[in-house]
Protein backbone atom coordinates (compact mmCIF):
# COMPACT_ATOMS: atom_id res chain seq x y z
CA MET A 1 0.00 0.00 0.00
CA VAL A 2 1.19 3.54 -0.79
CA THR A 3 0.43 6.43 1.55
CA LEU A 4 0.92 10.15 1.06
CA GLN A 5 4.03 11.47 2.80
CA PRO A 6 4.29 15.24 3.43
CA ASP A 7 8.07 15.20 3.12
CA THR A 8 7.87 13.62 -0.35
CA PRO A 9 4.62 15.05 -1.77
CA LEU A 10 5.46 14.02 -5.34
CA ALA A 11 7.03 10.63 -4.67
CA PRO A 12 7.64 8.26 -7.62
CA ALA A 13 5.11 5.80 -6.20
CA LEU A 14 2.43 8.51 -6.23
CA ARG A 15 3.20 9.43 -9.84
CA GLU A 16 3.03 5.74 -10.74
CA ARG A 17 -0.42 5.38 -9.17
CA ILE A 18 -1.69 8.42 -11.06
CA GLY A 19 -0.31 7.01 -14.31
CA GLY A 20 -1.80 3.63 -13.47
CA ALA A 21 -5.23 5.18 -12.96
CA ILE A 22 -5.01 6.79 -16.40
CA ASP A 23 -3.85 3.52 -18.03
CA ALA A 24 -6.64 1.57 -16.34
CA PHE A 25 -9.21 4.09 -17.51
CA ILE A 26 -7.99 3.95 -21.12
CA ASP A 27 -8.02 0.14 -20.97
CA ALA A 28 -11.64 0.28 -19.87
CA GLN A 29 -12.55 2.30 -22.98
CA LEU A 30 -11.16 -0.27 -25.45
CA PRO A 31 -14.30 -2.44 -25.66
CA MET A 32 -16.33 0.62 -26.64
CA LEU A 33 -13.77 1.62 -29.28
CA ALA A 34 -13.21 -1.86 -30.74
CA PRO A 35 -16.24 -1.86 -33.10
CA MET A 36 -14.89 1.31 -34.74
CA GLY A 37 -12.02 -0.65 -36.27
CA GLN A 38 -8.27 -0.25 -36.38
CA ASN A 39 -8.30 3.30 -37.76
CA VAL A 40 -8.93 4.65 -34.24
CA GLU A 41 -5.88 2.85 -32.87
CA PRO A 42 -3.55 5.84 -33.52
CA LEU A 43 -5.70 7.96 -31.21
CA VAL A 44 -5.43 5.43 -28.39
CA HIS A 45 -1.72 4.85 -29.02
CA LEU A 46 -0.80 8.53 -28.76
CA ALA A 47 -3.19 9.08 -25.86
CA ARG A 48 -1.16 6.52 -23.93
CA GLU A 49 2.16 7.89 -25.16
CA PHE A 50 1.57 11.48 -24.17
CA CYS A 51 -0.20 10.64 -20.90
CA ALA A 52 2.81 8.60 -19.80
CA GLY A 53 5.27 10.37 -17.53
CA GLY A 54 4.97 14.09 -16.99
CA LYS A 55 5.36 15.93 -13.71
CA ARG A 56 1.89 14.96 -12.37
CA LEU A 57 1.79 18.30 -10.54
CA ARG A 58 -1.89 18.99 -11.12
CA PRO A 59 -3.05 15.64 -9.74
CA ALA A 60 -0.65 16.03 -6.81
CA PHE A 61 -1.98 19.50 -5.96
CA CYS A 62 -5.48 18.04 -6.08
CA LEU A 63 -4.63 15.20 -3.70
CA TRP A 64 -2.78 17.43 -1.24
CA GLY A 65 -5.64 19.92 -1.39
CA ALA A 66 -7.88 17.12 -0.16
CA VAL A 67 -5.41 16.31 2.63
CA ALA A 68 -5.23 20.00 3.56
CA ALA A 69 -9.02 19.98 3.93
CA GLY A 70 -8.88 17.06 6.34
CA ALA A 71 -9.66 14.10 4.09
CA GLN A 72 -8.14 10.84 5.27
CA VAL A 73 -6.13 9.50 2.33
CA ASP A 74 -4.77 6.34 3.93
CA GLU A 75 -4.49 4.43 0.67
CA VAL A 76 -3.20 5.71 -2.65
CA GLU A 77 -3.93 3.11 -5.28
CA VAL A 78 -5.06 3.10 -8.91
CA THR A 79 -8.66 2.52 -7.81
CA THR A 80 -8.74 5.12 -4.99
CA PRO A 81 -11.54 7.60 -5.88
CA LEU A 82 -9.48 10.68 -5.01
CA VAL A 83 -6.60 9.36 -7.14
CA ARG A 84 -8.96 8.86 -10.09
CA LEU A 85 -10.38 12.37 -9.63
CA ALA A 86 -6.84 13.77 -9.52
CA ALA A 87 -5.77 11.72 -12.56
CA SER A 88 -8.61 13.25 -14.59
CA LEU A 89 -6.77 16.58 -14.34
CA ASP A 90 -3.79 15.14 -16.19
CA LEU A 91 -6.06 13.98 -19.02
CA LEU A 92 -7.28 17.58 -19.23
CA HIS A 93 -3.69 18.80 -19.17
CA VAL A 94 -2.55 16.54 -22.01
CA SER A 95 -5.66 17.54 -23.97
CA ALA A 96 -4.53 21.17 -23.75
CA LEU A 97 -0.97 20.22 -24.73
CA MET A 98 -2.17 18.55 -27.92
CA HIS A 99 -4.06 21.68 -28.91
CA ASP A 100 -1.19 23.95 -27.83
CA ASP A 101 1.28 22.15 -30.06
CA VAL A 102 -0.92 22.70 -33.10
CA MET A 103 -1.52 26.38 -32.32
CA ASP A 104 2.13 27.04 -31.51
CA GLY A 105 3.54 24.93 -34.33
CA SER A 106 5.68 23.02 -31.82
CA ASP A 107 7.43 20.00 -33.30
CA THR A 108 8.29 18.28 -30.02
CA ARG A 109 6.49 17.38 -26.83
CA ARG A 110 8.11 15.70 -23.83
CA GLY A 111 11.20 14.86 -25.83
CA ARG A 112 9.36 13.15 -28.68
CA PRO A 113 7.70 14.33 -31.91
CA ALA A 114 4.45 16.17 -31.24
CA ALA A 115 1.20 14.39 -32.09
CA HIS A 116 0.55 16.39 -35.25
CA VAL A 117 4.09 15.61 -36.45
CA GLN A 118 3.59 11.89 -35.84
CA TYR A 119 0.23 11.83 -37.63
CA THR A 120 1.74 13.73 -40.56
CA ALA A 121 4.57 11.20 -40.80
CA ALA A 122 2.11 8.29 -40.66
CA HIS A 123 0.11 9.80 -43.53
CA ARG A 124 3.23 10.08 -45.67
CA GLU A 125 4.53 6.62 -44.80
CA ARG A 126 1.24 5.08 -45.90
CA ASP A 127 1.08 7.20 -49.06
CA TRP A 128 -2.45 8.29 -48.22
CA LEU A 129 -4.39 10.82 -50.29
CA GLY A 130 -4.65 14.50 -49.54
CA ASP A 131 -2.65 16.90 -47.39
CA ALA A 132 -0.39 15.09 -44.91
CA GLU A 133 0.08 18.12 -42.69
CA GLY A 134 -3.66 18.82 -42.68
CA PHE A 135 -4.24 15.24 -41.57
CA GLY A 136 -1.65 15.69 -38.83
CA VAL A 137 -3.36 18.81 -37.51
CA ALA A 138 -6.80 17.17 -37.64
CA GLY A 139 -5.54 14.09 -35.81
CA SER A 140 -3.93 16.13 -33.05
CA ILE A 141 -7.03 18.29 -32.55
CA LEU A 142 -9.24 15.22 -32.30
CA LEU A 143 -6.82 13.55 -29.90
CA GLY A 144 -7.06 16.62 -27.69
CA ASP A 145 -10.85 16.54 -27.94
CA LEU A 146 -10.95 12.87 -26.96
CA LEU A 147 -8.73 13.46 -23.94
CA LEU A 148 -10.95 16.36 -22.87
CA VAL A 149 -14.01 14.11 -23.02
CA TRP A 150 -12.16 11.38 -21.15
CA SER A 151 -11.06 13.80 -18.43
CA THR A 152 -14.71 14.60 -17.76
CA GLN A 153 -15.69 10.94 -17.82
CA LEU A 154 -12.91 9.85 -15.45
CA ALA A 155 -13.91 12.51 -12.92
CA ASP A 156 -17.58 11.52 -13.18
CA GLU A 157 -16.70 7.84 -12.77
CA SER A 158 -14.05 8.35 -10.09
CA GLY A 159 -16.10 6.56 -7.45
CA LEU A 160 -16.17 9.54 -5.09
CA GLU A 161 -19.14 9.92 -2.79
CA ARG A 162 -21.81 11.90 -4.60
CA ALA A 163 -21.68 14.86 -2.20
CA ALA A 164 -17.90 15.14 -2.53
CA LEU A 165 -18.04 15.00 -6.32
CA ASP A 166 -20.83 17.58 -6.42
CA ALA A 167 -18.71 19.88 -4.26
CA ALA A 168 -15.80 19.61 -6.70
CA LEU A 169 -17.74 19.83 -9.98
CA PRO A 170 -18.27 23.63 -10.12
CA LEU A 171 -14.51 24.11 -9.75
CA LEU A 172 -13.81 21.47 -12.41
CA HIS A 173 -16.23 23.20 -14.77
CA ALA A 174 -14.55 26.56 -14.10
CA MET A 175 -11.11 25.05 -14.69
CA ARG A 176 -12.07 23.67 -18.11
CA ALA A 177 -13.64 26.95 -19.21
CA GLU A 178 -10.79 29.09 -17.89
CA VAL A 179 -8.07 27.15 -19.67
CA ALA A 180 -9.93 27.45 -22.99
CA CYS A 181 -10.67 31.16 -22.58
CA GLY A 182 -7.20 31.80 -21.19
CA GLN A 183 -5.73 30.12 -24.24
CA PHE A 184 -7.83 32.39 -26.45
CA LEU A 185 -6.51 35.41 -24.54
CA ASP A 186 -3.01 34.13 -25.30
CA VAL A 187 -3.75 33.56 -28.99
CA THR A 188 -5.21 37.06 -29.22
CA ALA A 189 -2.17 38.58 -27.50
CA GLN A 190 0.20 36.89 -29.95
CA VAL A 191 -1.34 38.54 -33.02
CA GLN A 192 -1.64 42.09 -31.71
CA PRO A 193 0.99 44.64 -32.78
CA PHE A 194 3.63 45.57 -30.24
CA GLY A 195 2.30 48.57 -28.36
CA ASP A 196 2.89 50.22 -25.01
CA PRO A 197 5.27 47.85 -23.15
CA ALA A 198 3.58 48.62 -19.82
CA ASN A 199 0.22 47.53 -21.23
CA MET A 200 1.88 44.47 -22.68
CA VAL A 201 3.12 43.47 -19.22
CA SER A 202 -0.36 43.77 -17.69
CA ASP A 203 -1.96 41.92 -20.61
CA THR A 204 0.59 39.13 -20.29
CA GLU A 205 -0.01 38.85 -16.56
CA ARG A 206 -3.73 38.43 -17.25
CA VAL A 207 -2.97 35.59 -19.67
CA VAL A 208 -0.71 33.97 -17.07
CA GLU A 209 -3.49 34.06 -14.47
CA TYR A 210 -6.22 32.55 -16.63
CA LYS A 211 -4.29 30.30 -18.98
CA SER A 212 -1.79 28.90 -16.50
CA ALA A 213 -2.02 29.85 -12.82
CA ARG A 214 -5.63 28.81 -12.31
CA TYR A 215 -5.44 25.69 -14.42
CA SER A 216 -2.02 24.54 -13.21
CA VAL A 217 -2.33 25.06 -9.46
CA GLN A 218 -5.25 27.08 -8.15
CA ARG A 219 -8.15 25.02 -9.48
CA PRO A 220 -6.49 21.62 -8.89
CA VAL A 221 -5.82 22.40 -5.24
CA MET A 222 -9.33 23.84 -4.81
CA VAL A 223 -10.95 20.84 -6.52
CA GLY A 224 -9.20 18.51 -4.10
CA ALA A 225 -9.99 20.73 -1.12
CA ALA A 226 -13.69 20.95 -2.01
CA ALA A 227 -13.98 17.18 -2.29
CA GLY A 228 -11.82 16.68 0.80
CA ALA A 229 -13.84 19.12 2.88
CA SER A 230 -17.01 17.20 2.03
CA LEU A 231 -15.40 13.89 2.92
CA ALA A 232 -14.13 15.37 6.21
CA GLY A 233 -17.56 16.74 7.10
CA ARG A 234 -16.56 20.39 7.19
CA ASP A 235 -19.29 23.02 7.56
CA ALA A 236 -20.02 25.52 4.81
CA ASP A 237 -18.36 28.52 6.49
CA SER A 238 -15.11 26.64 7.17
CA THR A 239 -15.06 25.27 3.63
CA THR A 240 -15.57 28.72 2.11
CA LYS A 241 -12.67 30.17 4.13
CA LEU A 242 -10.48 27.20 3.24
CA LEU A 243 -11.15 27.56 -0.48
CA GLU A 244 -10.46 31.30 -0.35
CA ALA A 245 -7.11 30.71 1.36
CA LEU A 246 -6.08 27.95 -1.01
CA GLY A 247 -7.28 30.03 -3.95
CA THR A 248 -4.84 32.79 -2.96
CA PHE A 249 -2.05 30.27 -2.44
CA GLY A 250 -2.77 28.53 -5.74
CA SER A 251 -2.86 31.71 -7.80
CA LEU A 252 0.52 32.83 -6.46
CA VAL A 253 2.16 29.44 -6.95
CA GLY A 254 0.60 29.10 -10.40
CA ARG A 255 2.05 32.42 -11.47
CA ALA A 256 5.50 31.48 -10.19
CA PHE A 257 5.19 28.14 -11.98
CA GLN A 258 4.46 29.86 -15.30
CA TYR A 259 7.20 32.44 -14.83
CA ARG A 260 9.65 29.58 -14.27
CA ASP A 261 8.33 27.99 -17.46
CA ASP A 262 8.94 31.28 -19.29
CA VAL A 263 12.53 31.43 -18.07
CA LEU A 264 13.17 27.82 -19.08
CA GLY A 265 11.57 28.44 -22.48
CA ILE A 266 14.44 30.79 -23.31
CA PHE A 267 17.27 29.89 -20.97
CA GLY A 268 16.59 26.18 -20.35
CA ASP A 269 19.04 23.39 -21.17
CA THR A 270 17.80 21.49 -24.23
CA ASP A 271 19.04 18.17 -22.84
CA VAL A 272 16.90 18.71 -19.74
CA THR A 273 13.81 20.44 -21.15
CA GLY A 274 13.51 18.27 -24.28
CA LYS A 275 12.89 21.40 -26.38
CA PRO A 276 15.21 23.35 -28.69
CA ALA A 277 17.21 26.14 -27.05
CA GLY A 278 15.27 29.41 -27.06
CA ASP A 279 12.09 27.71 -28.30
CA ASP A 280 9.84 30.46 -26.93
CA LEU A 281 11.78 33.01 -29.00
CA ARG A 282 11.17 31.04 -32.20
CA GLU A 283 7.48 30.75 -31.38
CA GLY A 284 7.32 34.46 -30.58
CA LYS A 285 5.53 33.90 -27.28
CA ARG A 286 4.48 37.12 -25.56
CA THR A 287 5.68 36.04 -22.12
CA VAL A 288 6.27 38.26 -19.11
CA LEU A 289 9.99 37.87 -19.76
CA ILE A 290 9.58 39.31 -23.27
CA ALA A 291 7.28 42.09 -22.04
CA GLU A 292 9.64 43.07 -19.23
CA THR A 293 12.52 43.22 -21.72
CA LEU A 294 10.67 45.55 -24.10
CA ARG A 295 9.69 47.80 -21.19
CA ARG A 296 13.34 48.29 -20.25
CA VAL A 297 15.18 48.84 -23.54
CA ASP A 298 15.48 51.82 -25.88
CA ASP A 299 13.63 51.97 -29.19
CA ALA A 300 16.57 50.75 -31.27
CA THR A 301 17.16 47.74 -29.02
CA ALA A 302 13.42 47.02 -28.92
CA THR A 303 13.31 46.93 -32.72
CA ARG A 304 16.35 44.68 -32.81
CA PHE A 305 14.87 42.37 -30.17
CA GLN A 306 11.49 42.15 -31.89
CA GLY A 307 13.32 41.10 -35.05
CA LEU A 308 14.54 38.01 -33.17
CA LEU A 309 11.02 36.83 -32.33
CA ALA A 310 8.75 34.40 -34.19
CA ARG A 311 11.27 33.06 -36.69
CA GLU A 312 13.98 30.45 -37.02
CA LEU A 313 17.11 31.49 -35.16
CA SER A 314 20.73 30.45 -35.28
CA VAL A 315 22.56 29.55 -32.09
CA GLU A 316 24.23 32.95 -32.22
CA GLU A 317 20.92 34.77 -32.57
CA VAL A 318 19.46 32.90 -29.61
CA GLU A 319 22.41 34.00 -27.52
CA THR A 320 22.00 37.58 -28.75
CA ALA A 321 18.37 37.59 -27.59
CA ARG A 322 19.38 36.11 -24.25
CA SER A 323 22.00 38.82 -23.80
CA ILE A 324 19.45 41.57 -24.47
CA ILE A 325 17.11 40.07 -21.88
CA ARG A 326 19.86 39.78 -19.27
CA GLU A 327 21.29 43.24 -19.87
CA ALA A 328 17.83 44.81 -19.71
CA GLY A 329 17.40 43.37 -16.23
CA ALA A 330 14.28 41.49 -17.32
CA LEU A 331 15.57 38.08 -16.20
CA ASP A 332 16.34 39.45 -12.74
CA ARG A 333 12.90 41.09 -12.63
CA VAL A 334 11.09 37.84 -13.43
CA GLU A 335 13.20 35.97 -10.87
CA ASP A 336 12.11 38.62 -8.34
CA HIS A 337 8.47 37.99 -9.34
CA ILE A 338 8.99 34.29 -8.67
CA SER A 339 10.63 34.86 -5.26
CA THR A 340 7.93 37.30 -4.17
CA ALA A 341 5.13 34.96 -5.26
CA VAL A 342 6.69 32.05 -3.35
CA ALA A 343 7.09 34.17 -0.20
CA ASP A 344 3.50 35.46 -0.40
CA ALA A 345 2.12 31.97 -1.09
CA THR A 346 4.01 30.60 1.90
CA SER A 347 2.60 33.35 4.12
CA ALA A 348 -0.95 32.71 2.90
CA LEU A 349 -0.68 28.99 3.59
CA GLU A 350 0.92 29.47 7.00
CA ALA A 351 -1.84 31.90 7.97
CA ALA A 352 -4.50 29.37 6.91
CA HIS A 353 -2.75 26.69 8.97
CA THR A 354 -2.54 28.96 12.02
CA ALA A 355 -6.25 29.71 11.66
CA GLY A 356 -7.02 25.99 11.75
CA LEU A 357 -8.20 25.87 8.15
CA VAL A 358 -5.40 23.67 6.78
CA THR A 359 -4.08 20.45 8.31
CA ASP A 360 -0.41 20.21 9.21
CA ALA A 361 0.15 17.38 6.73
CA GLY A 362 -1.57 19.40 4.01
CA ARG A 363 0.53 22.46 4.79
CA GLN A 364 3.76 20.47 4.54
CA GLY A 365 2.70 18.67 1.38
CA LEU A 366 1.58 21.82 -0.41
CA LEU A 367 4.75 23.71 0.49
CA GLY A 368 6.81 20.82 -0.87
CA LEU A 369 4.78 20.79 -4.08
CA MET A 370 5.23 24.54 -4.44
CA HIS A 371 8.98 24.14 -4.47
CA ALA A 372 8.74 21.19 -6.87
CA ALA A 373 6.73 23.42 -9.22
CA VAL A 374 9.04 26.41 -9.03
CA ASP A 375 12.54 25.11 -8.27
CA ARG A 376 12.93 23.03 -11.42
CA GLU A 377 15.03 22.72 -14.57
CA HIS A 378 12.37 21.38 -16.94
């Protein structure tokens, strides 16, 4: 039997159980898919491939949110209802990744060819009719759609007590809507002309909140806490205060998590991240790091820097862009944002613990997860 340990909140055994819950769920769908024939097999194959591994941060925040609320999670197995609820969040996550890769034109995902690239290659290998790249895009979109449907189904069929599931559902619904609308905010930001750098910073921060912070940390921890509070028999007033406290904590940690992602997207080690060096530069992502750079440089440097975005870059050009960011002080500024968010999140969680809203085990587990989310190299 595996139990949750506050000093190792993201232990390998926990990640294995989450992955096992996803595998078991997909296995259970095969009889329904079988009559459709072998042409659906590529969907199932890549669903398994891209759901394997990963950080499992969203499911972990969900589980530790439940512990923070007072739920007794004595057993963490593939069939444990809270594990299945948490695992549904990773299906949602991978769904979003499949769509992201199409929208961003990313060729790799988790160190392997992206889904649309693999479907394109399969089309060409089989000498099928029509546009191979169009088939690749269609396949990846539909894979993302299937995983979104499955994420809903796995949560509904998690086996949680009805009252606990009902408590979590409004937050799950909000999470799904926010990530879609947040992604649209991001897509819209990418196509707008460069304007006032100060406005660009605030616009980018809004995208971070709705596209990433809520979906990556805030909603997962609140989903778990809502279910956990119901299982623990908390009253309505206590539950409301708990969710408010964890909402503040989750938003701050989620922002720091995304800012770390932004730093790694430009300065990360390719061998560790699994993505080309400076990938965010090539994609032209309007991250806080980019916005902070443009706010700090003169017009000539801004024009030069903008010319290095959204196109193929040589190794030398990537290093030039990195130098501009460093010399502008933007990298230091974003690192300060991360440090401040971590400090404020820690204070919010400690205050909730002191007020008796958060269990000691939950406090320890969530603090450990926060550092796993922020203090990382990939």
